[in-house]
Amino acid sequence: MDPRATRTRERLQSALLDLARENDLDGITVADIVERAEVNRSSFYQHYSGKEMLLADALEDALASVSDSLLASLPSGDDGPPAELFLYLAHIADNAAVYRRVLGDHGSALVAARLREQIQHIVRDAVAAANPGAFAGLPLDVVAAGIAGTALGVLTAWLSRDPLPPVETGVDWMWRVLIGPEHLVRDQA
């Protein structure tokens, strides 16, 4: 991709997330975004059809920024949660209002679906690389969908609390649910 286009997309994404930390997402307009990003309206529409597509890309890019190293650091549940999980949940905490809106009851179906799809892709790659016997005989897409749904469920439950528990708590909940009770029982023995 053209470096100028990449910079423009990054500026638009950053502007939207910055504005969403300050204002209700529904009240943010394309005019607000382009003003904050210091780009013109036509540049916005060269890259995005609307605010929802921009938001989906921004959240996908945040996950993509940690996904490769996250996959590399998931050999087993024995070592505890990877540092990348802390980084990603810190991003979510910094943008809690956006994620609450997207993953809430009246959130964006498009953005939530794209986030779920990206998590499924990451899980599919991790499970395929690890080849765990616990999933023998199960289609990889079914395993990925189940784990992604669980991860999103934990995120949503963590985000629903007021005040938001610390990132470390969210990571602990996520990790304990994802590694499963067999690891917890073995670790306590």
Protein backbone atom coordinates (compact mmCIF):
# COMPACT_ATOMS: atom_id res chain seq x y z
CA MET A 1 0.00 0.00 0.00
CA ASP A 2 1.13 3.55 -0.72
CA PRO A 3 2.82 5.03 2.39
CA ARG A 4 0.73 8.20 2.11
CA ALA A 5 -2.47 6.16 2.05
CA THR A 6 -1.26 4.17 5.05
CA ARG A 7 -0.52 7.37 6.98
CA THR A 8 -3.93 8.80 6.10
CA ARG A 9 -5.69 5.65 7.27
CA GLU A 10 -3.68 5.65 10.51
CA ARG A 11 -4.50 9.30 11.13
CA LEU A 12 -8.20 8.70 10.53
CA GLN A 13 -8.24 5.67 12.82
CA SER A 14 -6.35 7.50 15.54
CA ALA A 15 -8.65 10.52 15.24
CA LEU A 16 -11.76 8.38 15.60
CA LEU A 17 -10.42 6.57 18.66
CA ASP A 18 -9.27 9.84 20.24
CA LEU A 19 -12.67 11.43 19.65
CA ALA A 20 -14.45 8.35 21.00
CA ARG A 21 -12.53 8.67 24.27
CA GLU A 22 -13.93 12.20 24.60
CA ASN A 23 -17.45 11.86 23.13
CA ASP A 24 -20.24 9.40 22.55
CA LEU A 25 -19.50 7.45 19.38
CA ASP A 26 -22.92 8.20 17.91
CA GLY A 27 -22.30 11.93 18.19
CA ILE A 28 -19.02 11.86 16.25
CA THR A 29 -19.37 12.94 12.63
CA VAL A 30 -17.15 12.43 9.62
CA ALA A 31 -16.48 16.19 9.78
CA ASP A 32 -15.19 15.78 13.35
CA ILE A 33 -12.94 12.91 12.30
CA VAL A 34 -11.38 14.65 9.29
CA GLU A 35 -10.85 17.82 11.30
CA ARG A 36 -9.04 15.90 14.06
CA ALA A 37 -7.05 13.87 11.52
CA GLU A 38 -6.20 17.01 9.55
CA VAL A 39 -7.25 15.47 6.25
CA ASN A 40 -9.96 16.52 3.85
CA ARG A 41 -13.34 14.87 3.51
CA SER A 42 -12.54 13.43 0.09
CA SER A 43 -9.51 11.64 1.59
CA PHE A 44 -11.83 10.06 4.14
CA TYR A 45 -14.15 8.74 1.42
CA GLN A 46 -11.22 7.48 -0.67
CA HIS A 47 -10.52 5.04 2.16
CA TYR A 48 -13.83 4.47 3.93
CA SER A 49 -17.49 4.37 3.01
CA GLY A 50 -18.44 5.59 6.48
CA LYS A 51 -17.61 5.86 10.15
CA GLU A 52 -18.51 2.24 10.86
CA MET A 53 -16.00 0.90 8.32
CA LEU A 54 -13.32 3.19 9.79
CA LEU A 55 -14.11 1.89 13.28
CA ALA A 56 -13.95 -1.74 12.10
CA ASP A 57 -10.54 -1.14 10.53
CA ALA A 58 -9.25 0.68 13.62
CA LEU A 59 -10.21 -2.19 15.92
CA GLU A 60 -8.89 -4.80 13.49
CA ASP A 61 -5.57 -2.99 13.19
CA ALA A 62 -5.23 -2.81 16.98
CA LEU A 63 -5.63 -6.58 17.18
CA ALA A 64 -3.37 -7.17 14.19
CA SER A 65 -0.61 -5.15 15.86
CA VAL A 66 -0.27 -7.83 18.56
CA SER A 67 -1.54 -10.96 16.79
CA ASP A 68 1.69 -12.21 15.18
CA SER A 69 3.70 -12.01 18.37
CA LEU A 70 0.72 -13.35 20.32
CA LEU A 71 0.64 -16.46 18.13
CA ALA A 72 4.36 -16.96 18.60
CA SER A 73 4.03 -16.82 22.37
CA LEU A 74 1.20 -19.34 22.82
CA PRO A 75 3.01 -22.68 23.14
CA SER A 76 1.01 -23.72 26.21
CA GLY A 77 -1.03 -22.41 29.09
CA ASP A 78 1.71 -23.39 31.53
CA ASP A 79 3.72 -20.20 31.16
CA GLY A 80 0.89 -17.84 32.01
CA PRO A 81 -0.66 -15.25 29.76
CA PRO A 82 1.56 -13.75 27.06
CA ALA A 83 2.63 -10.10 27.29
CA GLU A 84 0.73 -9.36 24.07
CA LEU A 85 -2.55 -10.21 25.79
CA PHE A 86 -1.79 -7.51 28.36
CA LEU A 87 -1.01 -5.05 25.55
CA TYR A 88 -4.24 -5.81 23.72
CA LEU A 89 -6.42 -5.56 26.82
CA ALA A 90 -4.65 -2.30 27.74
CA HIS A 91 -5.69 -0.98 24.32
CA ILE A 92 -9.25 -2.14 24.99
CA ALA A 93 -9.23 -0.49 28.43
CA ASP A 94 -7.98 2.77 26.88
CA ASN A 95 -10.86 2.58 24.42
CA ALA A 96 -13.42 0.97 26.73
CA ALA A 97 -16.29 3.22 25.65
CA VAL A 98 -15.80 2.23 22.01
CA TYR A 99 -15.59 -1.48 22.77
CA ARG A 100 -18.58 -1.30 25.12
CA ARG A 101 -20.58 0.33 22.35
CA VAL A 102 -19.45 -2.13 19.67
CA LEU A 103 -19.88 -5.28 21.76
CA GLY A 104 -22.97 -4.15 23.67
CA ASP A 105 -26.58 -5.10 23.05
CA HIS A 106 -27.10 -2.26 20.58
CA GLY A 107 -23.61 -2.29 19.12
CA SER A 108 -22.39 -2.48 15.59
CA ALA A 109 -23.07 -5.88 14.07
CA LEU A 110 -20.58 -5.16 11.29
CA VAL A 111 -17.73 -4.16 13.61
CA ALA A 112 -18.39 -7.00 16.07
CA ALA A 113 -18.53 -9.54 13.22
CA ARG A 114 -15.25 -8.33 11.76
CA LEU A 115 -13.60 -8.45 15.18
CA ARG A 116 -14.94 -11.96 15.78
CA GLU A 117 -13.71 -13.05 12.33
CA GLN A 118 -10.23 -11.73 13.02
CA ILE A 119 -10.08 -13.48 16.40
CA GLN A 120 -11.25 -16.70 14.73
CA HIS A 121 -8.45 -16.38 12.17
CA ILE A 122 -5.86 -15.93 14.94
CA VAL A 123 -7.26 -18.90 16.87
CA ARG A 124 -7.36 -21.06 13.73
CA ASP A 125 -3.66 -20.36 13.13
CA ALA A 126 -2.77 -21.02 16.77
CA VAL A 127 -4.68 -24.30 16.96
CA ALA A 128 -3.30 -25.48 13.62
CA ALA A 129 0.26 -24.73 14.77
CA ALA A 130 -0.19 -26.36 18.19
CA ASN A 131 -2.17 -29.34 16.88
CA PRO A 132 -3.63 -30.12 20.33
CA GLY A 133 -5.11 -33.56 20.81
CA ALA A 134 -8.03 -32.13 22.80
CA PHE A 135 -9.57 -30.99 19.52
CA ALA A 136 -8.98 -34.19 17.54
CA GLY A 137 -11.88 -34.91 15.24
CA LEU A 138 -13.32 -31.38 15.45
CA PRO A 139 -13.30 -29.14 12.40
CA LEU A 140 -10.81 -26.33 12.84
CA ASP A 141 -13.40 -23.66 12.02
CA VAL A 142 -15.68 -24.98 14.78
CA VAL A 143 -12.85 -24.86 17.33
CA ALA A 144 -11.89 -21.35 16.21
CA ALA A 145 -15.49 -20.12 16.39
CA GLY A 146 -15.93 -21.56 19.88
CA ILE A 147 -12.75 -20.08 21.27
CA ALA A 148 -13.35 -16.70 19.59
CA GLY A 149 -16.87 -16.61 21.01
CA THR A 150 -15.50 -17.40 24.45
CA ALA A 151 -12.85 -14.68 24.18
CA LEU A 152 -15.42 -12.10 23.10
CA GLY A 153 -17.74 -13.22 25.88
CA VAL A 154 -15.05 -12.70 28.51
CA LEU A 155 -14.14 -9.30 27.01
CA THR A 156 -17.78 -8.23 27.03
CA ALA A 157 -18.26 -9.37 30.64
CA TRP A 158 -15.07 -7.56 31.73
CA LEU A 159 -16.10 -4.38 29.90
CA SER A 160 -19.60 -4.46 31.40
CA ARG A 161 -18.27 -3.83 34.89
CA ASP A 162 -18.33 -0.35 36.34
CA PRO A 163 -15.72 0.55 37.29
CA LEU A 164 -13.72 -1.41 34.76
CA PRO A 165 -11.48 -3.89 36.60
CA PRO A 166 -7.74 -3.50 35.98
CA VAL A 167 -6.20 -4.90 32.81
CA GLU A 168 -4.44 -7.55 34.89
CA THR A 169 -7.81 -8.81 36.11
CA GLY A 170 -9.20 -8.95 32.56
CA VAL A 171 -6.14 -10.85 31.37
CA ASP A 172 -6.38 -13.26 34.30
CA TRP A 173 -10.06 -13.96 33.58
CA MET A 174 -9.41 -14.37 29.87
CA TRP A 175 -6.45 -16.66 30.34
CA ARG A 176 -8.11 -18.85 32.96
CA VAL A 177 -11.19 -19.33 30.81
CA LEU A 178 -9.20 -19.99 27.63
CA ILE A 179 -6.70 -22.49 29.03
CA GLY A 180 -9.46 -24.48 30.65
CA PRO A 181 -10.00 -26.18 33.97
CA GLU A 182 -7.55 -29.04 33.29
CA HIS A 183 -4.65 -26.56 33.47
CA LEU A 184 -6.03 -24.96 36.63
CA VAL A 185 -6.43 -28.30 38.41
CA ARG A 186 -2.93 -29.40 37.35
CA ASP A 187 -1.43 -26.04 38.43
CA GLN A 188 -3.06 -26.28 41.88
CA ALA A 189 -1.81 -29.83 42.47
